[in-house]
Amino acid sequence: MSVDFFWRRVDDRLLDELSPKELAALVPYWSDADFGPLGEAGMVMAVERNGYLMDFALTAGRTTSGDVAQLPVFGGEQRAEGEGDPECGAVRTELWVLRPDEVREAAAFLQHIAVDALVRDLDVALEQEVRSLGFTRSWSPAWAAHLAADPGELKSFFAAAAAAGDAMVKFESA
């Protein structure tokens, strides 16, 4: 399962003023013209293909049990708008929002994760997960390094957002 995650720092007031569709429009996708400039400004962060494996690593590394949606990095308040697709049950717009206190909680959570050690310690489990999900490529040291870099970048992103008192909008693309 290849999942991309996108996070966008926003002013907390927008969470109450905008609809889910309007909030989703603030979060650029890879091909959007403003993705690069917003990324360079530290306002948007995305994880390509490694989203599920990052979830898996962070969940497996926790001492408490729970769904990944309960992790402060991936959780938040779910917002949805639009009609559900009867074939797959998905809604047109679905995202999660984190208030500034939740962003601070996520930043604190990430600050205590030694991502290189976590990925190294979970190497066998990650290799098995890659196989069970049917990825066409095999788990490798290069993939492990790439996977470790994603939560490392996310640490910095959430730390900056927390320091600025920003809220966060997050969506997933499978």
Protein backbone atom coordinates (compact mmCIF):
# COMPACT_ATOMS: atom_id res chain seq x y z
CA MET A 1 0.00 0.00 0.00
CA SER A 2 1.61 3.20 -1.15
CA VAL A 3 0.31 6.23 0.70
CA ASP A 4 1.47 9.82 0.34
CA PHE A 5 0.92 12.22 3.27
CA PHE A 6 0.67 15.99 2.98
CA TRP A 7 0.79 18.47 5.88
CA ARG A 8 0.17 22.23 5.64
CA ARG A 9 0.77 24.76 8.40
CA VAL A 10 -2.13 27.21 8.75
CA ASP A 11 -3.45 29.89 11.05
CA ASP A 12 -5.67 28.29 13.72
CA ARG A 13 -8.58 30.59 12.85
CA LEU A 14 -8.90 29.00 9.41
CA LEU A 15 -9.91 25.68 10.97
CA ASP A 16 -13.15 27.26 12.16
CA GLU A 17 -13.72 29.54 9.18
CA LEU A 18 -13.22 27.19 6.22
CA SER A 19 -15.07 24.10 5.02
CA PRO A 20 -13.20 20.81 4.51
CA LYS A 21 -13.11 21.49 0.78
CA GLU A 22 -11.65 24.96 1.34
CA LEU A 23 -9.08 23.61 3.81
CA ALA A 24 -8.10 20.87 1.36
CA ALA A 25 -7.53 23.52 -1.30
CA LEU A 26 -4.84 25.04 0.94
CA VAL A 27 -2.78 21.84 0.83
CA PRO A 28 -0.97 21.56 -2.49
CA TYR A 29 -0.36 18.28 -4.25
CA TRP A 30 3.00 17.32 -5.84
CA SER A 31 2.11 18.79 -9.23
CA ASP A 32 0.62 22.06 -7.95
CA ALA A 33 2.60 25.20 -8.82
CA ASP A 34 2.70 26.40 -5.21
CA PHE A 35 3.98 23.09 -3.77
CA GLY A 36 7.66 23.98 -4.32
CA PRO A 37 7.54 27.55 -3.00
CA LEU A 38 5.45 26.56 0.04
CA GLY A 39 7.80 23.65 0.75
CA GLU A 40 10.85 25.91 0.54
CA ALA A 41 9.14 28.35 2.91
CA GLY A 42 8.57 25.51 5.40
CA MET A 43 4.78 25.75 5.15
CA VAL A 44 4.09 22.37 3.56
CA MET A 45 5.58 18.90 4.02
CA ALA A 46 4.88 15.73 2.08
CA VAL A 47 5.99 12.13 2.32
CA GLU A 48 5.96 10.19 -0.93
CA ARG A 49 5.15 6.47 -0.94
CA ASN A 50 6.52 5.88 2.57
CA GLY A 51 3.44 7.10 4.41
CA TYR A 52 2.16 3.69 5.48
CA LEU A 53 5.63 2.38 6.32
CA MET A 54 6.32 5.49 8.38
CA ASP A 55 3.03 4.87 10.23
CA PHE A 56 4.09 1.26 10.75
CA ALA A 57 7.52 2.21 12.09
CA LEU A 58 6.22 4.87 14.45
CA THR A 59 3.43 2.60 15.71
CA ALA A 60 5.68 -0.42 16.17
CA GLY A 61 8.16 1.73 18.05
CA ARG A 62 5.59 2.91 20.59
CA THR A 63 5.27 1.33 23.99
CA THR A 64 1.51 1.88 24.06
CA SER A 65 -0.93 0.15 21.79
CA GLY A 66 -3.27 2.03 19.53
CA ASP A 67 -4.33 2.89 16.08
CA VAL A 68 -2.07 5.13 14.02
CA ALA A 69 -4.88 7.69 13.91
CA GLN A 70 -4.29 8.14 17.64
CA LEU A 71 -0.71 9.25 17.08
CA PRO A 72 -0.51 13.01 17.37
CA VAL A 73 1.36 13.23 14.05
CA PHE A 74 -1.30 11.38 12.07
CA GLY A 75 -4.38 12.07 14.17
CA GLY A 76 -6.44 15.13 14.71
CA GLU A 77 -10.04 15.94 14.02
CA GLN A 78 -11.35 14.29 10.88
CA ARG A 79 -13.31 16.52 8.53
CA ALA A 80 -15.22 15.32 5.48
CA GLU A 81 -17.40 16.87 2.84
CA GLY A 82 -19.19 15.51 -0.19
CA GLU A 83 -21.05 12.41 -1.18
CA GLY A 84 -19.67 8.97 -0.47
CA ASP A 85 -18.77 6.74 -3.39
CA PRO A 86 -21.02 3.66 -3.04
CA GLU A 87 -18.39 1.48 -4.70
CA CYS A 88 -15.50 2.26 -2.34
CA GLY A 89 -17.24 4.15 0.47
CA ALA A 90 -14.87 7.13 0.25
CA VAL A 91 -15.98 10.74 0.51
CA ARG A 92 -14.84 13.39 -1.96
CA THR A 93 -12.92 15.51 0.55
CA GLU A 94 -11.47 13.97 3.69
CA LEU A 95 -8.73 15.46 5.83
CA TRP A 96 -7.56 15.90 9.40
CA VAL A 97 -6.87 19.08 11.32
CA LEU A 98 -4.64 19.58 14.34
CA ARG A 99 -5.03 22.58 16.63
CA PRO A 100 -1.86 24.31 17.87
CA ASP A 101 -1.86 22.27 21.10
CA GLU A 102 -2.02 19.06 19.06
CA VAL A 103 0.80 20.31 16.83
CA ARG A 104 2.89 20.90 19.96
CA GLU A 105 2.01 17.39 21.17
CA ALA A 106 3.05 15.93 17.80
CA ALA A 107 6.30 17.91 17.85
CA ALA A 108 7.07 16.62 21.35
CA PHE A 109 6.26 13.05 20.28
CA LEU A 110 8.57 13.28 17.27
CA GLN A 111 11.34 14.95 19.26
CA HIS A 112 11.75 11.78 21.32
CA ILE A 113 11.97 9.42 18.33
CA ALA A 114 15.44 8.38 17.18
CA VAL A 115 14.31 7.62 13.63
CA ASP A 116 17.56 6.08 12.35
CA ALA A 117 17.66 3.69 15.29
CA LEU A 118 13.94 2.98 14.99
CA VAL A 119 14.18 2.01 11.31
CA ARG A 120 17.34 -0.01 11.97
CA ASP A 121 15.69 -1.84 14.90
CA LEU A 122 12.58 -2.58 12.84
CA ASP A 123 14.47 -3.60 9.69
CA VAL A 124 13.20 -7.20 9.65
CA ALA A 125 9.63 -6.19 10.49
CA LEU A 126 9.68 -3.49 7.79
CA GLU A 127 11.02 -5.98 5.25
CA GLN A 128 8.18 -8.37 6.12
CA GLU A 129 5.64 -5.52 5.90
CA VAL A 130 6.91 -4.52 2.45
CA ARG A 131 6.55 -8.12 1.30
CA SER A 132 3.07 -8.54 2.81
CA LEU A 133 1.85 -5.34 1.14
CA GLY A 134 2.97 -6.59 -2.25
CA PHE A 135 5.41 -3.81 -3.13
CA THR A 136 7.07 -4.52 -6.47
CA ARG A 137 10.52 -3.59 -5.17
CA SER A 138 12.33 -5.22 -2.29
CA TRP A 139 13.24 -3.64 1.03
CA SER A 140 16.83 -2.38 0.91
CA PRO A 141 19.31 -0.30 2.88
CA ALA A 142 18.65 2.62 0.50
CA TRP A 143 14.91 2.38 1.15
CA ALA A 144 15.55 2.21 4.91
CA ALA A 145 17.64 5.39 4.71
CA HIS A 146 14.92 7.13 2.71
CA LEU A 147 12.27 6.00 5.21
CA ALA A 148 14.35 7.28 8.14
CA ALA A 149 14.73 10.66 6.44
CA ASP A 150 10.96 11.23 6.23
CA PRO A 151 10.17 11.34 9.96
CA GLY A 152 13.45 13.20 10.45
CA GLU A 153 12.18 15.98 8.17
CA LEU A 154 8.77 15.78 9.80
CA LYS A 155 10.43 16.41 13.19
CA SER A 156 11.81 19.73 11.97
CA PHE A 157 8.57 20.65 10.24
CA PHE A 158 6.40 20.05 13.32
CA ALA A 159 8.96 21.74 15.61
CA ALA A 160 8.82 24.92 13.48
CA ALA A 161 5.01 24.80 13.35
CA ALA A 162 4.79 24.31 17.11
CA ALA A 163 7.19 27.19 17.76
CA ALA A 164 5.08 29.46 15.54
CA GLY A 165 1.80 28.38 17.18
CA ASP A 166 0.43 27.08 13.87
CA ALA A 167 -2.39 24.64 13.31
CA MET A 168 -2.06 21.86 10.74
CA VAL A 169 -4.13 20.40 7.91
CA LYS A 170 -3.24 16.86 6.77
CA PHE A 171 -4.51 14.62 4.04
CA GLU A 172 -3.57 11.25 2.59
CA SER A 173 -3.44 10.17 -1.02
CA ALA A 174 -3.38 6.45 -1.79
